[in-house]
C-alpha atoms as a PDB file:
ATOM      1  CA  UNK A   1     -74.247   6.883 -51.917  1.00  0.00           C
ATOM      2  CA  UNK A   2     -72.828   3.347 -51.987  1.00  0.00           C
ATOM      3  CA  UNK A   3     -69.529   4.670 -53.367  1.00  0.00           C
ATOM      4  CA  UNK A   4     -69.225   7.201 -50.530  1.00  0.00           C
ATOM      5  CA  UNK A   5     -69.853   4.505 -47.903  1.00  0.00           C
ATOM      6  CA  UNK A   6     -67.329   2.210 -49.608  1.00  0.00           C
ATOM      7  CA  UNK A   7     -64.665   4.946 -49.732  1.00  0.00           C
ATOM      8  CA  UNK A   8     -65.259   5.788 -46.045  1.00  0.00           C
ATOM      9  CA  UNK A   9     -65.070   2.118 -45.080  1.00  0.00           C
ATOM     10  CA  UNK A  10     -61.784   1.591 -46.958  1.00  0.00           C
ATOM     11  CA  UNK A  11     -60.379   4.797 -45.453  1.00  0.00           C
ATOM     12  CA  UNK A  12     -61.266   3.729 -41.912  1.00  0.00           C
ATOM     13  CA  UNK A  13     -59.874   0.250 -42.508  1.00  0.00           C
ATOM     14  CA  UNK A  14     -56.600   1.732 -43.766  1.00  0.00           C
ATOM     15  CA  UNK A  15     -56.424   4.071 -40.775  1.00  0.00           C
ATOM     16  CA  UNK A  16     -56.969   1.136 -38.392  1.00  0.00           C
ATOM     17  CA  UNK A  17     -54.174  -0.875 -39.972  1.00  0.00           C
ATOM     18  CA  UNK A  18     -51.797   2.095 -39.786  1.00  0.00           C
ATOM     19  CA  UNK A  19     -52.603   2.618 -36.101  1.00  0.00           C
ATOM     20  CA  UNK A  20     -51.715  -0.997 -35.340  1.00  0.00           C
ATOM     21  CA  UNK A  21     -48.314  -0.625 -37.004  1.00  0.00           C
ATOM     22  CA  UNK A  22     -47.400   2.223 -34.617  1.00  0.00           C
ATOM     23  CA  UNK A  23     -47.308   0.122 -31.476  1.00  0.00           C
ATOM     24  CA  UNK A  24     -44.834  -0.609 -28.740  1.00  0.00           C
ATOM     25  CA  UNK A  25     -43.588  -4.189 -28.512  1.00  0.00           C
ATOM     26  CA  UNK A  26     -41.913  -5.676 -25.464  1.00  0.00           C
ATOM     27  CA  UNK A  27     -39.300  -8.410 -25.892  1.00  0.00           C
ATOM     28  CA  UNK A  28     -37.821  -9.904 -22.728  1.00  0.00           C
ATOM     29  CA  UNK A  29     -34.322 -11.362 -22.699  1.00  0.00           C
ATOM     30  CA  UNK A  30     -35.824 -14.178 -20.613  1.00  0.00           C
ATOM     31  CA  UNK A  31     -39.295 -14.610 -19.134  1.00  0.00           C
ATOM     32  CA  UNK A  32     -38.085 -16.834 -16.273  1.00  0.00           C
ATOM     33  CA  UNK A  33     -35.370 -16.027 -13.746  1.00  0.00           C
ATOM     34  CA  UNK A  34     -33.908 -19.012 -11.930  1.00  0.00           C
ATOM     35  CA  UNK A  35     -32.460 -18.115  -8.526  1.00  0.00           C
ATOM     36  CA  UNK A  36     -31.037 -21.615  -8.250  1.00  0.00           C
ATOM     37  CA  UNK A  37     -30.226 -22.529  -4.649  1.00  0.00           C
ATOM     38  CA  UNK A  38     -29.651 -19.467  -2.480  1.00  0.00           C
ATOM     39  CA  UNK A  39     -28.833 -19.133   1.214  1.00  0.00           C
ATOM     40  CA  UNK A  40     -31.393 -17.831   3.672  1.00  0.00           C
ATOM     41  CA  UNK A  41     -31.059 -14.050   4.026  1.00  0.00           C
ATOM     42  CA  UNK A  42     -28.996 -13.625   0.831  1.00  0.00           C
ATOM     43  CA  UNK A  43     -29.560 -10.935  -1.804  1.00  0.00           C
ATOM     44  CA  UNK A  44     -32.969 -11.591  -3.362  1.00  0.00           C
ATOM     45  CA  UNK A  45     -32.802  -8.940  -6.104  1.00  0.00           C
ATOM     46  CA  UNK A  46     -32.929 -10.097  -9.726  1.00  0.00           C
ATOM     47  CA  UNK A  47     -33.598  -8.240 -12.988  1.00  0.00           C
ATOM     48  CA  UNK A  48     -35.729  -8.943 -16.064  1.00  0.00           C
ATOM     49  CA  UNK A  49     -34.206  -7.095 -19.039  1.00  0.00           C
ATOM     50  CA  UNK A  50     -36.368  -6.128 -22.009  1.00  0.00           C
ATOM     51  CA  UNK A  51     -36.233  -4.157 -25.263  1.00  0.00           C
ATOM     52  CA  UNK A  52     -38.923  -2.091 -26.957  1.00  0.00           C
ATOM     53  CA  UNK A  53     -38.848  -3.643 -30.429  1.00  0.00           C
ATOM     54  CA  UNK A  54     -41.850  -1.616 -31.615  1.00  0.00           C
ATOM     55  CA  UNK A  55     -41.951   1.856 -33.145  1.00  0.00           C
ATOM     56  CA  UNK A  56     -43.804   3.717 -30.369  1.00  0.00           C
ATOM     57  CA  UNK A  57     -42.780   4.519 -26.774  1.00  0.00           C
ATOM     58  CA  UNK A  58     -43.418   1.656 -24.339  1.00  0.00           C
ATOM     59  CA  UNK A  59     -45.151   2.596 -21.084  1.00  0.00           C
ATOM     60  CA  UNK A  60     -45.313   0.010 -18.328  1.00  0.00           C
ATOM     61  CA  UNK A  61     -48.316   1.006 -16.260  1.00  0.00           C
ATOM     62  CA  UNK A  62     -48.341  -1.721 -13.610  1.00  0.00           C
ATOM     63  CA  UNK A  63     -46.200  -4.570 -12.333  1.00  0.00           C
ATOM     64  CA  UNK A  64     -47.574  -6.874  -9.644  1.00  0.00           C
ATOM     65  CA  UNK A  65     -46.579 -10.170  -8.058  1.00  0.00           C
ATOM     66  CA  UNK A  66     -48.524 -13.238  -7.016  1.00  0.00           C
ATOM     67  CA  UNK A  67     -47.339 -12.895  -3.414  1.00  0.00           C
ATOM     68  CA  UNK A  68     -46.333 -10.240  -0.883  1.00  0.00           C
ATOM     69  CA  UNK A  69     -42.923 -11.913  -0.557  1.00  0.00           C
ATOM     70  CA  UNK A  70     -41.981 -10.679  -4.038  1.00  0.00           C
ATOM     71  CA  UNK A  71     -41.671  -6.944  -4.701  1.00  0.00           C
ATOM     72  CA  UNK A  72     -41.361  -5.861  -8.352  1.00  0.00           C
ATOM     73  CA  UNK A  73     -40.232  -2.390  -9.443  1.00  0.00           C
ATOM     74  CA  UNK A  74     -41.133  -0.981 -12.862  1.00  0.00           C
ATOM     75  CA  UNK A  75     -39.336   1.724 -14.860  1.00  0.00           C
ATOM     76  CA  UNK A  76     -40.726   5.219 -14.270  1.00  0.00           C
ATOM     77  CA  UNK A  77     -40.090   6.681 -17.732  1.00  0.00           C
ATOM     78  CA  UNK A  78     -41.342   5.432 -21.114  1.00  0.00           C
ATOM     79  CA  UNK A  79     -38.920   3.190 -23.021  1.00  0.00           C
ATOM     80  CA  UNK A  80     -38.303   4.581 -26.501  1.00  0.00           C
ATOM     81  CA  UNK A  81     -38.237   2.320 -29.579  1.00  0.00           C
ATOM     82  CA  UNK A  82     -35.019   0.308 -29.768  1.00  0.00           C
ATOM     83  CA  UNK A  83     -34.073   1.087 -26.163  1.00  0.00           C
ATOM     84  CA  UNK A  84     -33.820  -1.324 -23.240  1.00  0.00           C
ATOM     85  CA  UNK A  85     -35.218  -1.264 -19.734  1.00  0.00           C
ATOM     86  CA  UNK A  86     -35.480  -3.491 -16.716  1.00  0.00           C
ATOM     87  CA  UNK A  87     -37.959  -4.701 -14.152  1.00  0.00           C
ATOM     88  CA  UNK A  88     -36.337  -5.334 -10.796  1.00  0.00           C
ATOM     89  CA  UNK A  89     -37.732  -8.098  -8.576  1.00  0.00           C
ATOM     90  CA  UNK A  90     -36.856  -8.571  -4.912  1.00  0.00           C
ATOM     91  CA  UNK A  91     -37.729 -11.885  -3.274  1.00  0.00           C
ATOM     92  CA  UNK A  92     -37.725 -12.272   0.523  1.00  0.00           C
ATOM     93  CA  UNK A  93     -34.968 -14.863   0.986  1.00  0.00           C
ATOM     94  CA  UNK A  94     -35.770 -15.208   4.695  1.00  0.00           C
ATOM     95  CA  UNK A  95     -38.499 -17.640   3.618  1.00  0.00           C
ATOM     96  CA  UNK A  96     -36.911 -21.083   3.391  1.00  0.00           C
ATOM     97  CA  UNK A  97     -38.179 -23.444   0.705  1.00  0.00           C
ATOM     98  CA  UNK A  98     -38.998 -23.486  -2.993  1.00  0.00           C
ATOM     99  CA  UNK A  99     -39.553 -20.293  -4.974  1.00  0.00           C
ATOM    100  CA  UNK A 100     -42.263 -20.308  -7.653  1.00  0.00           C
ATOM    101  CA  UNK A 101     -43.821 -16.885  -8.197  1.00  0.00           C
ATOM    102  CA  UNK A 102     -45.418 -14.980 -11.074  1.00  0.00           C
ATOM    103  CA  UNK A 103     -44.959 -11.300 -11.923  1.00  0.00           C
ATOM    104  CA  UNK A 104     -47.631  -9.700 -14.125  1.00  0.00           C
ATOM    105  CA  UNK A 105     -46.572  -6.802 -16.370  1.00  0.00           C
ATOM    106  CA  UNK A 106     -49.230  -4.496 -17.833  1.00  0.00           C
ATOM    107  CA  UNK A 107     -48.200  -2.060 -20.577  1.00  0.00           C
ATOM    108  CA  UNK A 108     -49.266  -0.374 -23.790  1.00  0.00           C
ATOM    109  CA  UNK A 109     -47.455  -3.011 -25.877  1.00  0.00           C
ATOM    110  CA  UNK A 110     -49.180  -4.974 -28.632  1.00  0.00           C
ATOM    111  CA  UNK A 111     -49.426  -7.767 -26.028  1.00  0.00           C
ATOM    112  CA  UNK A 112     -50.615  -5.685 -23.062  1.00  0.00           C
ATOM    113  CA  UNK A 113     -50.268  -8.361 -20.355  1.00  0.00           C
ATOM    114  CA  UNK A 114     -47.149 -10.455 -19.889  1.00  0.00           C
ATOM    115  CA  UNK A 115     -46.476 -12.948 -17.084  1.00  0.00           C
ATOM    116  CA  UNK A 116     -42.889 -13.428 -15.912  1.00  0.00           C
ATOM    117  CA  UNK A 117     -41.737 -16.134 -13.500  1.00  0.00           C
ATOM    118  CA  UNK A 118     -39.122 -16.591 -10.807  1.00  0.00           C
ATOM    119  CA  UNK A 119     -38.090 -19.960  -9.458  1.00  0.00           C
ATOM    120  CA  UNK A 120     -35.471 -21.483  -7.222  1.00  0.00           C
ATOM    121  CA  UNK A 121     -34.959 -22.643  -3.659  1.00  0.00           C
ATOM    122  CA  UNK A 122     -33.962 -20.884  -0.444  1.00  0.00           C
ATOM    123  CA  UNK A 123     -31.783 -23.145   1.703  1.00  0.00           C
ATOM    124  CA  UNK A 124     -31.883 -23.050   5.508  1.00  0.00           C
ATOM    125  CA  UNK A 125     -29.050 -21.287   7.342  1.00  0.00           C
ATOM    126  CA  UNK A 126     -25.950 -23.371   8.087  1.00  0.00           C
ATOM    127  CA  UNK A 127     -25.995 -25.358  11.347  1.00  0.00           C
ATOM    128  CA  UNK A 128     -29.791 -25.374  11.755  1.00  0.00           C
END
């Protein structure tokens, strides 16, 4: 009886380790996008590029921002192993002042939650 339990335990342990090897992995080119100094009302769209470095399809289920002034857009389709994708972020550049926002990415990757950051400064319009 002990041998059967031992064999089952080793089999389940081996199965668990194999399941972990077949996982998606997300690797961002950069985890912080610096807008620098931008003019009020200028283009506020920036892109976070990433690669699925795992060996299973990567599915991004949710992308949210820390503020309503930042609108992130996730890819609709799964990202296959070795392929790249992007998360588009649009900041409302009509808000003058410093930019310091967080974008939370939730996926099926081995690290399921990733926090990205945008920073910079929106300058007031000329002559005001």
